Amino acid sequence: MSSPREHTFRPARRSDVPALVDLVESAYRGERSRNGWTGEADLLQGQRVDATMVTEMIDDPSTTVIVAEADGVMVGCCQLERHDGHAYFGTFAVAPDLQGAGTGRALLAEAERLARDEWGAGELRMTVIVQREDLIAWYVRRGYVRTGELSPFPYGDERFGVPLRDDLAFETLTKKLG
């Protein structure tokens, strides 16, 4: 197994929007996502994000979009939202050909560090589609706890994709930071 790449992290800029949209789409949807192990192509078609959604995240003062780079190339991203007492983690994407090589683990650790050390958040929360058992297991191995708390998938809102099945739901996972 090759050694993990050195990663640098920075806040996203508006000039990153096209690259961020491409990265997220490649990690979640379509044939490119099948090169990794975290895609949703078997569950959803259509878009995962668009330029407007990413720009709104970058412009939101309660949100930070973290960009991971290796050798000057964008290889991952995630979104952190600041809430009272906790942070929400989402829009997590790693280039499909780098999945399984440590990029996601490093990016998640950076998000946890920022939420804990810079925002003072005591907990990180996220929602994951319940059918994504391999991904949920990956988070559990990193200390996240399944809460059993389910929320509905936004059927009919194609901004988040076109479901290929009628039983999708999100489960909340949490991790205490500290």
N, C-alpha and C. Protein backbone atom coordinates (compact mmCIF):
# COMPACT_ATOMS: atom_id res chain seq x y z
N MET A 1 0.85 -1.18 0.00
CA MET A 1 0.00 0.00 0.00
C MET A 1 0.89 1.23 0.00
N SER A 2 0.56 2.21 -0.80
CA SER A 2 1.36 3.42 -0.87
C SER A 2 1.13 4.27 0.37
N SER A 3 2.10 5.12 0.65
CA SER A 3 1.98 5.99 1.83
C SER A 3 0.96 7.09 1.55
N PRO A 4 0.27 7.55 2.60
CA PRO A 4 -0.72 8.61 2.41
C PRO A 4 -0.06 9.88 1.90
N ARG A 5 -0.78 10.61 1.08
CA ARG A 5 -0.28 11.87 0.54
C ARG A 5 -0.36 12.94 1.61
N GLU A 6 0.54 13.92 1.51
CA GLU A 6 0.47 15.08 2.39
C GLU A 6 -0.67 15.98 1.91
N HIS A 7 -1.50 16.40 2.85
CA HIS A 7 -2.64 17.24 2.52
C HIS A 7 -2.49 18.60 3.16
N THR A 8 -2.96 19.60 2.45
CA THR A 8 -3.10 20.93 3.02
C THR A 8 -4.59 21.26 2.96
N PHE A 9 -5.01 22.12 3.88
CA PHE A 9 -6.42 22.47 3.99
C PHE A 9 -6.55 23.98 3.99
N ARG A 10 -7.64 24.46 3.37
CA ARG A 10 -7.92 25.88 3.35
C ARG A 10 -9.40 26.10 3.14
N PRO A 11 -9.89 27.30 3.51
CA PRO A 11 -11.28 27.62 3.22
C PRO A 11 -11.48 27.78 1.71
N ALA A 12 -12.63 27.37 1.23
CA ALA A 12 -12.95 27.53 -0.20
C ALA A 12 -13.16 29.01 -0.52
N ARG A 13 -12.88 29.33 -1.77
CA ARG A 13 -13.11 30.68 -2.30
C ARG A 13 -14.13 30.57 -3.43
N ARG A 14 -14.74 31.71 -3.75
CA ARG A 14 -15.70 31.71 -4.86
C ARG A 14 -15.07 31.18 -6.15
N SER A 15 -13.80 31.45 -6.36
CA SER A 15 -13.13 30.98 -7.58
C SER A 15 -13.03 29.45 -7.63
N ASP A 16 -13.26 28.78 -6.49
CA ASP A 16 -13.23 27.31 -6.43
C ASP A 16 -14.54 26.67 -6.86
N VAL A 17 -15.61 27.46 -7.02
CA VAL A 17 -16.94 26.89 -7.21
C VAL A 17 -16.98 25.87 -8.36
N PRO A 18 -16.51 26.17 -9.57
CA PRO A 18 -16.60 25.15 -10.62
C PRO A 18 -15.87 23.85 -10.27
N ALA A 19 -14.69 23.95 -9.68
CA ALA A 19 -13.93 22.75 -9.31
C ALA A 19 -14.64 21.99 -8.19
N LEU A 20 -15.24 22.71 -7.24
CA LEU A 20 -15.97 22.05 -6.16
C LEU A 20 -17.20 21.30 -6.68
N VAL A 21 -17.95 21.93 -7.58
CA VAL A 21 -19.11 21.26 -8.17
C VAL A 21 -18.66 19.98 -8.88
N ASP A 22 -17.60 20.07 -9.67
CA ASP A 22 -17.10 18.91 -10.40
C ASP A 22 -16.64 17.82 -9.43
N LEU A 23 -15.92 18.20 -8.38
CA LEU A 23 -15.45 17.22 -7.40
C LEU A 23 -16.61 16.50 -6.72
N VAL A 24 -17.59 17.25 -6.24
CA VAL A 24 -18.73 16.65 -5.54
C VAL A 24 -19.51 15.74 -6.50
N GLU A 25 -19.77 16.22 -7.69
CA GLU A 25 -20.50 15.39 -8.66
C GLU A 25 -19.74 14.11 -8.97
N SER A 26 -18.41 14.20 -9.13
CA SER A 26 -17.62 13.01 -9.47
C SER A 26 -17.62 12.00 -8.33
N ALA A 27 -17.72 12.47 -7.09
CA ALA A 27 -17.68 11.57 -5.95
C ALA A 27 -19.03 10.90 -5.69
N TYR A 28 -20.13 11.56 -6.08
CA TYR A 28 -21.45 11.06 -5.72
C TYR A 28 -22.26 10.46 -6.86
N ARG A 29 -22.16 11.02 -8.04
CA ARG A 29 -23.11 10.66 -9.11
C ARG A 29 -22.41 10.25 -10.39
N GLY A 30 -23.13 9.49 -11.18
CA GLY A 30 -22.67 9.13 -12.51
C GLY A 30 -21.57 8.09 -12.51
N GLU A 31 -21.09 7.81 -13.70
CA GLU A 31 -20.09 6.76 -13.89
C GLU A 31 -18.78 7.05 -13.19
N ARG A 32 -18.35 8.32 -13.14
CA ARG A 32 -17.09 8.63 -12.47
C ARG A 32 -17.12 8.20 -11.01
N SER A 33 -18.29 8.30 -10.36
CA SER A 33 -18.38 7.94 -8.94
C SER A 33 -18.12 6.45 -8.72
N ARG A 34 -18.30 5.64 -9.74
CA ARG A 34 -18.09 4.19 -9.60
C ARG A 34 -16.61 3.84 -9.46
N ASN A 35 -15.70 4.81 -9.74
CA ASN A 35 -14.27 4.58 -9.54
C ASN A 35 -13.90 4.57 -8.06
N GLY A 36 -14.77 5.12 -7.22
CA GLY A 36 -14.56 5.11 -5.77
C GLY A 36 -15.53 4.15 -5.12
N TRP A 37 -15.64 4.23 -3.81
CA TRP A 37 -16.54 3.32 -3.09
C TRP A 37 -17.66 4.06 -2.38
N THR A 38 -17.71 5.40 -2.47
CA THR A 38 -18.69 6.16 -1.70
C THR A 38 -19.80 6.77 -2.54
N GLY A 39 -19.86 6.45 -3.81
CA GLY A 39 -20.86 7.07 -4.69
C GLY A 39 -22.28 6.64 -4.38
N GLU A 40 -23.21 7.41 -4.93
CA GLU A 40 -24.64 7.15 -4.74
C GLU A 40 -25.33 6.80 -6.06
N ALA A 41 -24.57 6.47 -7.09
CA ALA A 41 -25.14 6.26 -8.43
C ALA A 41 -26.19 5.17 -8.47
N ASP A 42 -26.14 4.21 -7.53
CA ASP A 42 -27.15 3.15 -7.50
C ASP A 42 -28.41 3.57 -6.76
N LEU A 43 -28.34 4.72 -6.07
CA LEU A 43 -29.49 5.21 -5.29
C LEU A 43 -30.14 6.44 -5.91
N LEU A 44 -29.33 7.28 -6.55
CA LEU A 44 -29.81 8.57 -7.06
C LEU A 44 -29.17 8.90 -8.39
N GLN A 45 -29.93 9.58 -9.22
CA GLN A 45 -29.42 10.15 -10.47
C GLN A 45 -29.54 11.66 -10.34
N GLY A 46 -29.08 12.36 -11.39
CA GLY A 46 -29.20 13.82 -11.38
C GLY A 46 -28.08 14.44 -10.57
N GLN A 47 -28.25 15.71 -10.25
CA GLN A 47 -27.18 16.44 -9.59
C GLN A 47 -27.14 16.20 -8.09
N ARG A 48 -25.97 16.41 -7.50
CA ARG A 48 -25.80 16.41 -6.05
C ARG A 48 -25.74 17.86 -5.55
N VAL A 49 -25.02 18.70 -6.29
CA VAL A 49 -24.95 20.14 -6.00
C VAL A 49 -24.88 20.89 -7.32
N ASP A 50 -25.11 22.19 -7.24
CA ASP A 50 -24.88 23.04 -8.41
C ASP A 50 -24.10 24.27 -7.95
N ALA A 51 -23.72 25.12 -8.90
CA ALA A 51 -22.89 26.28 -8.60
C ALA A 51 -23.57 27.22 -7.61
N THR A 52 -24.88 27.39 -7.72
CA THR A 52 -25.60 28.28 -6.80
C THR A 52 -25.53 27.74 -5.38
N MET A 53 -25.75 26.45 -5.21
CA MET A 53 -25.72 25.85 -3.88
C MET A 53 -24.33 25.99 -3.25
N VAL A 54 -23.28 25.75 -4.02
CA VAL A 54 -21.91 25.83 -3.49
C VAL A 54 -21.57 27.28 -3.17
N THR A 55 -21.95 28.20 -4.03
CA THR A 55 -21.69 29.62 -3.76
C THR A 55 -22.39 30.07 -2.48
N GLU A 56 -23.63 29.63 -2.28
CA GLU A 56 -24.35 29.98 -1.05
C GLU A 56 -23.64 29.43 0.19
N MET A 57 -23.09 28.22 0.10
CA MET A 57 -22.34 27.66 1.23
C MET A 57 -21.11 28.52 1.54
N ILE A 58 -20.37 28.88 0.50
CA ILE A 58 -19.15 29.67 0.68
C ILE A 58 -19.48 31.05 1.27
N ASP A 59 -20.59 31.64 0.84
CA ASP A 59 -20.97 32.98 1.28
C ASP A 59 -21.63 33.01 2.65
N ASP A 60 -22.09 31.87 3.16
CA ASP A 60 -22.80 31.82 4.44
C ASP A 60 -21.81 32.01 5.59
N PRO A 61 -21.99 33.03 6.42
CA PRO A 61 -21.03 33.27 7.50
C PRO A 61 -21.02 32.19 8.58
N SER A 62 -22.04 31.36 8.67
CA SER A 62 -22.06 30.28 9.67
C SER A 62 -21.53 28.97 9.09
N THR A 63 -21.01 29.01 7.87
CA THR A 63 -20.54 27.81 7.19
C THR A 63 -19.11 28.00 6.70
N THR A 64 -18.33 26.94 6.79
CA THR A 64 -17.00 26.92 6.18
C THR A 64 -16.95 25.72 5.25
N VAL A 65 -16.53 25.95 4.03
CA VAL A 65 -16.25 24.86 3.10
C VAL A 65 -14.74 24.67 3.12
N ILE A 66 -14.31 23.49 3.52
CA ILE A 66 -12.89 23.17 3.61
C ILE A 66 -12.47 22.46 2.33
N VAL A 67 -11.38 22.93 1.75
CA VAL A 67 -10.79 22.31 0.57
C VAL A 67 -9.53 21.57 1.00
N ALA A 68 -9.40 20.31 0.59
CA ALA A 68 -8.18 19.54 0.79
C ALA A 68 -7.42 19.52 -0.52
N GLU A 69 -6.12 19.79 -0.43
CA GLU A 69 -5.28 19.77 -1.61
C GLU A 69 -4.09 18.85 -1.36
N ALA A 70 -3.63 18.23 -2.43
CA ALA A 70 -2.41 17.42 -2.41
C ALA A 70 -1.61 17.81 -3.64
N ASP A 71 -0.39 18.19 -3.42
CA ASP A 71 0.47 18.64 -4.52
C ASP A 71 -0.20 19.77 -5.31
N GLY A 72 -0.92 20.65 -4.61
CA GLY A 72 -1.54 21.81 -5.25
C GLY A 72 -2.83 21.51 -5.99
N VAL A 73 -3.33 20.29 -5.92
CA VAL A 73 -4.53 19.89 -6.63
C VAL A 73 -5.66 19.63 -5.63
N MET A 74 -6.87 20.13 -5.92
CA MET A 74 -8.02 19.88 -5.06
C MET A 74 -8.38 18.40 -5.11
N VAL A 75 -8.38 17.74 -3.94
CA VAL A 75 -8.65 16.31 -3.89
C VAL A 75 -9.83 15.96 -2.99
N GLY A 76 -10.32 16.94 -2.23
CA GLY A 76 -11.44 16.68 -1.35
C GLY A 76 -12.04 17.98 -0.84
N CYS A 77 -13.24 17.86 -0.26
CA CYS A 77 -13.90 19.02 0.34
C CYS A 77 -14.95 18.54 1.33
N CYS A 78 -15.34 19.45 2.19
CA CYS A 78 -16.47 19.21 3.08
C CYS A 78 -17.03 20.55 3.52
N GLN A 79 -18.21 20.50 4.06
CA GLN A 79 -18.91 21.68 4.56
C GLN A 79 -19.10 21.52 6.06
N LEU A 80 -18.83 22.57 6.81
CA LEU A 80 -19.11 22.61 8.24
C LEU A 80 -20.05 23.77 8.50
N GLU A 81 -21.14 23.49 9.21
CA GLU A 81 -22.08 24.54 9.62
C GLU A 81 -21.99 24.69 11.12
N ARG A 82 -21.92 25.93 11.58
CA ARG A 82 -21.85 26.22 13.01
C ARG A 82 -23.27 26.33 13.58
N HIS A 83 -23.51 25.59 14.66
CA HIS A 83 -24.78 25.63 15.38
C HIS A 83 -24.47 25.81 16.86
N ASP A 84 -25.48 26.08 17.67
CA ASP A 84 -25.27 26.20 19.12
C ASP A 84 -24.85 24.85 19.69
N GLY A 85 -23.62 24.76 20.17
CA GLY A 85 -23.13 23.56 20.84
C GLY A 85 -22.65 22.45 19.94
N HIS A 86 -22.93 22.53 18.66
CA HIS A 86 -22.46 21.48 17.75
C HIS A 86 -22.18 22.07 16.37
N ALA A 87 -21.55 21.26 15.55
CA ALA A 87 -21.33 21.61 14.15
C ALA A 87 -21.94 20.49 13.30
N TYR A 88 -22.39 20.87 12.12
CA TYR A 88 -22.94 19.89 11.17
C TYR A 88 -21.93 19.70 10.05
N PHE A 89 -21.67 18.44 9.70
CA PHE A 89 -20.70 18.06 8.68
C PHE A 89 -21.44 17.52 7.46
N GLY A 90 -21.14 18.04 6.29
CA GLY A 90 -21.80 17.56 5.08
C GLY A 90 -21.00 17.87 3.83
N THR A 91 -21.61 17.57 2.70
CA THR A 91 -21.02 17.80 1.38
C THR A 91 -19.57 17.31 1.36
N PHE A 92 -19.37 16.12 1.89
CA PHE A 92 -18.06 15.49 2.00
C PHE A 92 -17.76 14.76 0.71
N ALA A 93 -16.67 15.13 0.06
CA ALA A 93 -16.33 14.50 -1.21
C ALA A 93 -14.82 14.33 -1.32
N VAL A 94 -14.42 13.19 -1.84
CA VAL A 94 -13.03 12.90 -2.15
C VAL A 94 -12.99 12.41 -3.59
N ALA A 95 -12.01 12.86 -4.35
CA ALA A 95 -11.86 12.42 -5.74
C ALA A 95 -11.93 10.89 -5.78
N PRO A 96 -12.78 10.32 -6.65
CA PRO A 96 -12.99 8.86 -6.64
C PRO A 96 -11.71 8.03 -6.73
N ASP A 97 -10.73 8.47 -7.52
CA ASP A 97 -9.52 7.67 -7.66
C ASP A 97 -8.60 7.76 -6.44
N LEU A 98 -8.92 8.62 -5.47
CA LEU A 98 -8.14 8.73 -4.24
C LEU A 98 -8.85 8.15 -3.02
N GLN A 99 -10.08 7.68 -3.22
CA GLN A 99 -10.82 7.12 -2.09
C GLN A 99 -10.12 5.86 -1.60
N GLY A 100 -10.00 5.74 -0.29
CA GLY A 100 -9.32 4.61 0.31
C GLY A 100 -7.84 4.85 0.53
N ALA A 101 -7.33 6.04 0.21
CA ALA A 101 -5.91 6.34 0.34
C ALA A 101 -5.59 7.30 1.48
N GLY A 102 -6.59 7.62 2.32
CA GLY A 102 -6.33 8.46 3.48
C GLY A 102 -6.80 9.90 3.37
N THR A 103 -7.20 10.33 2.19
CA THR A 103 -7.64 11.71 2.01
C THR A 103 -8.89 12.00 2.83
N GLY A 104 -9.87 11.13 2.77
CA GLY A 104 -11.10 11.34 3.52
C GLY A 104 -10.86 11.34 5.02
N ARG A 105 -10.04 10.44 5.50
CA ARG A 105 -9.71 10.36 6.92
C ARG A 105 -9.05 11.67 7.37
N ALA A 106 -8.11 12.19 6.57
CA ALA A 106 -7.42 13.43 6.92
C ALA A 106 -8.37 14.62 6.90
N LEU A 107 -9.25 14.66 5.93
CA LEU A 107 -10.20 15.77 5.81
C LEU A 107 -11.21 15.74 6.95
N LEU A 108 -11.70 14.57 7.30
CA LEU A 108 -12.63 14.46 8.43
C LEU A 108 -11.94 14.90 9.72
N ALA A 109 -10.69 14.50 9.92
CA ALA A 109 -9.95 14.90 11.13
C ALA A 109 -9.78 16.42 11.16
N GLU A 110 -9.52 17.05 10.03
CA GLU A 110 -9.39 18.51 9.98
C GLU A 110 -10.71 19.18 10.30
N ALA A 111 -11.81 18.65 9.80
CA ALA A 111 -13.13 19.21 10.11
C ALA A 111 -13.42 19.10 11.60
N GLU A 112 -13.10 17.97 12.20
CA GLU A 112 -13.30 17.78 13.64
C GLU A 112 -12.45 18.77 14.43
N ARG A 113 -11.19 18.94 14.01
CA ARG A 113 -10.28 19.87 14.68
C ARG A 113 -10.82 21.30 14.61
N LEU A 114 -11.22 21.73 13.44
CA LEU A 114 -11.74 23.09 13.28
C LEU A 114 -12.98 23.30 14.13
N ALA A 115 -13.91 22.36 14.08
CA ALA A 115 -15.16 22.49 14.84
C ALA A 115 -14.87 22.55 16.35
N ARG A 116 -13.97 21.73 16.82
CA ARG A 116 -13.64 21.67 18.25
C ARG A 116 -12.78 22.86 18.68
N ASP A 117 -11.65 23.08 17.98
CA ASP A 117 -10.65 24.03 18.45
C ASP A 117 -10.96 25.48 18.07
N GLU A 118 -11.54 25.70 16.91
CA GLU A 118 -11.80 27.06 16.47
C GLU A 118 -13.22 27.52 16.75
N TRP A 119 -14.17 26.61 16.73
CA TRP A 119 -15.57 26.98 16.98
C TRP A 119 -16.04 26.61 18.37
N GLY A 120 -15.30 25.77 19.09
CA GLY A 120 -15.72 25.35 20.41
C GLY A 120 -16.91 24.40 20.41
N ALA A 121 -17.12 23.71 19.31
CA ALA A 121 -18.24 22.76 19.21
C ALA A 121 -17.94 21.52 20.03
N GLY A 122 -18.93 21.06 20.78
CA GLY A 122 -18.76 19.87 21.60
C GLY A 122 -19.13 18.59 20.88
N GLU A 123 -19.73 18.72 19.70
CA GLU A 123 -20.21 17.54 18.98
C GLU A 123 -20.24 17.84 17.49
N LEU A 124 -19.98 16.82 16.70
CA LEU A 124 -20.14 16.92 15.25
C LEU A 124 -21.29 16.00 14.87
N ARG A 125 -22.21 16.52 14.07
CA ARG A 125 -23.36 15.75 13.59
C ARG A 125 -23.34 15.69 12.08
N MET A 126 -23.93 14.65 11.56
CA MET A 126 -24.09 14.49 10.11
C MET A 126 -25.30 13.63 9.86
N THR A 127 -25.77 13.65 8.62
CA THR A 127 -26.81 12.72 8.20
C THR A 127 -26.29 11.93 7.01
N VAL A 128 -26.60 10.63 7.00
CA VAL A 128 -26.15 9.74 5.94
C VAL A 128 -27.35 8.91 5.50
N ILE A 129 -27.48 8.71 4.20
CA ILE A 129 -28.56 7.86 3.68
C ILE A 129 -28.42 6.47 4.29
N VAL A 130 -29.49 5.98 4.91
CA VAL A 130 -29.41 4.72 5.68
C VAL A 130 -28.99 3.52 4.83
N GLN A 131 -29.26 3.56 3.54
CA GLN A 131 -28.88 2.45 2.67
C GLN A 131 -27.38 2.40 2.40
N ARG A 132 -26.64 3.41 2.81
CA ARG A 132 -25.19 3.46 2.57
C ARG A 132 -24.44 2.82 3.74
N GLU A 133 -24.66 1.54 3.95
CA GLU A 133 -24.11 0.82 5.10
C GLU A 133 -22.58 0.86 5.15
N ASP A 134 -21.90 0.73 4.00
CA ASP A 134 -20.43 0.77 4.01
C ASP A 134 -19.92 2.12 4.50
N LEU A 135 -20.56 3.19 4.07
CA LEU A 135 -20.14 4.52 4.49
C LEU A 135 -20.44 4.73 5.98
N ILE A 136 -21.61 4.31 6.43
CA ILE A 136 -21.94 4.42 7.85
C ILE A 136 -20.92 3.64 8.69
N ALA A 137 -20.55 2.45 8.24
CA ALA A 137 -19.56 1.65 8.96
C ALA A 137 -18.21 2.37 9.01
N TRP A 138 -17.83 3.08 7.95
CA TRP A 138 -16.58 3.85 7.92
C TRP A 138 -16.63 4.92 9.01
N TYR A 139 -17.76 5.64 9.12
CA TYR A 139 -17.89 6.67 10.15
C TYR A 139 -17.87 6.04 11.55
N VAL A 140 -18.53 4.93 11.73
CA VAL A 140 -18.56 4.26 13.04
C VAL A 140 -17.13 3.89 13.46
N ARG A 141 -16.31 3.41 12.52
CA ARG A 141 -14.92 3.08 12.83
C ARG A 141 -14.13 4.32 13.25
N ARG A 142 -14.60 5.50 12.93
CA ARG A 142 -13.96 6.76 13.30
C ARG A 142 -14.62 7.41 14.52
N GLY A 143 -15.43 6.64 15.23
CA GLY A 143 -15.97 7.13 16.49
C GLY A 143 -17.37 7.72 16.45
N TYR A 144 -18.02 7.68 15.30
CA TYR A 144 -19.38 8.21 15.19
C TYR A 144 -20.38 7.18 15.69
N VAL A 145 -21.47 7.66 16.21
CA VAL A 145 -22.50 6.80 16.79
C VAL A 145 -23.79 6.97 15.99
N ARG A 146 -24.38 5.85 15.65
CA ARG A 146 -25.70 5.88 14.99
C ARG A 146 -26.74 6.23 16.03
N THR A 147 -27.59 7.19 15.74
CA THR A 147 -28.59 7.63 16.72
C THR A 147 -29.93 6.95 16.53
N GLY A 148 -30.17 6.39 15.35
CA GLY A 148 -31.50 5.85 15.06
C GLY A 148 -32.49 6.94 14.67
N GLU A 149 -32.07 8.20 14.77
CA GLU A 149 -32.92 9.33 14.40
C GLU A 149 -32.95 9.45 12.87
N LEU A 150 -34.13 9.26 12.30
CA LEU A 150 -34.28 9.29 10.85
C LEU A 150 -34.99 10.56 10.41
N SER A 151 -34.61 11.05 9.24
CA SER A 151 -35.31 12.17 8.63
C SER A 151 -35.57 11.80 7.17
N PRO A 152 -36.65 12.32 6.60
CA PRO A 152 -37.03 11.90 5.25
C PRO A 152 -36.10 12.47 4.18
N PHE A 153 -35.95 11.71 3.10
CA PHE A 153 -35.25 12.22 1.93
C PHE A 153 -36.17 13.24 1.25
N PRO A 154 -35.62 14.33 0.69
CA PRO A 154 -36.47 15.36 0.07
C PRO A 154 -36.98 14.96 -1.32
N TYR A 155 -37.85 13.96 -1.33
CA TYR A 155 -38.43 13.53 -2.61
C TYR A 155 -39.12 14.72 -3.27
N GLY A 156 -38.98 14.82 -4.59
CA GLY A 156 -39.62 15.89 -5.34
C GLY A 156 -38.76 17.14 -5.47
N ASP A 157 -37.63 17.22 -4.76
CA ASP A 157 -36.73 18.36 -4.87
C ASP A 157 -35.50 17.89 -5.63
N GLU A 158 -35.52 18.06 -6.94
CA GLU A 158 -34.47 17.51 -7.79
C GLU A 158 -33.13 18.23 -7.64
N ARG A 159 -33.07 19.30 -6.84
CA ARG A 159 -31.78 19.93 -6.55
C ARG A 159 -30.86 18.93 -5.84
N PHE A 160 -31.44 17.93 -5.17
CA PHE A 160 -30.66 16.95 -4.42
C PHE A 160 -30.59 15.60 -5.11
N GLY A 161 -31.12 15.52 -6.32
CA GLY A 161 -31.06 14.27 -7.06
C GLY A 161 -32.42 13.67 -7.31
N VAL A 162 -32.42 12.69 -8.19
CA VAL A 162 -33.64 11.97 -8.55
C VAL A 162 -33.50 10.55 -7.99
N PRO A 163 -34.29 10.22 -6.96
CA PRO A 163 -34.17 8.91 -6.33
C PRO A 163 -34.53 7.77 -7.28
N LEU A 164 -33.79 6.67 -7.16
CA LEU A 164 -34.05 5.46 -7.94
C LEU A 164 -34.85 4.44 -7.13
N ARG A 165 -35.19 4.79 -5.89
CA ARG A 165 -36.00 3.92 -5.04
C ARG A 165 -36.83 4.80 -4.11
N ASP A 166 -37.86 4.20 -3.51
CA ASP A 166 -38.82 5.00 -2.75
C ASP A 166 -38.67 4.87 -1.23
N ASP A 167 -37.54 4.29 -0.77
CA ASP A 167 -37.39 4.07 0.67
C ASP A 167 -36.18 4.80 1.27
N LEU A 168 -35.68 5.84 0.61
CA LEU A 168 -34.51 6.54 1.11
C LEU A 168 -34.85 7.39 2.33
N ALA A 169 -33.94 7.41 3.27
CA ALA A 169 -34.06 8.25 4.47
C ALA A 169 -32.65 8.53 4.97
N PHE A 170 -32.52 9.56 5.79
CA PHE A 170 -31.24 9.91 6.40
C PHE A 170 -31.23 9.49 7.87
N GLU A 171 -30.08 9.00 8.33
CA GLU A 171 -29.89 8.77 9.76
C GLU A 171 -28.85 9.75 10.28
N THR A 172 -29.10 10.28 11.46
CA THR A 172 -28.16 11.19 12.10
C THR A 172 -27.08 10.37 12.82
N LEU A 173 -25.82 10.74 12.58
CA LEU A 173 -24.67 10.18 13.29
C LEU A 173 -24.03 11.32 14.08
N THR A 174 -23.48 11.01 15.24
CA THR A 174 -22.87 12.04 16.08
C THR A 174 -21.53 11.54 16.62
N LYS A 175 -20.69 12.51 16.97
CA LYS A 175 -19.41 12.21 17.64
C LYS A 175 -19.12 13.36 18.60
N LYS A 176 -18.83 13.00 19.84
CA LYS A 176 -18.42 14.00 20.83
C LYS A 176 -17.00 14.45 20.49
N LEU A 177 -16.77 15.76 20.53
CA LEU A 177 -15.45 16.32 20.24
C LEU A 177 -14.86 16.84 21.55
N GLY A 178 -13.79 16.28 21.98
CA GLY A 178 -13.21 16.82 23.21
C GLY A 178 -12.49 15.82 24.03
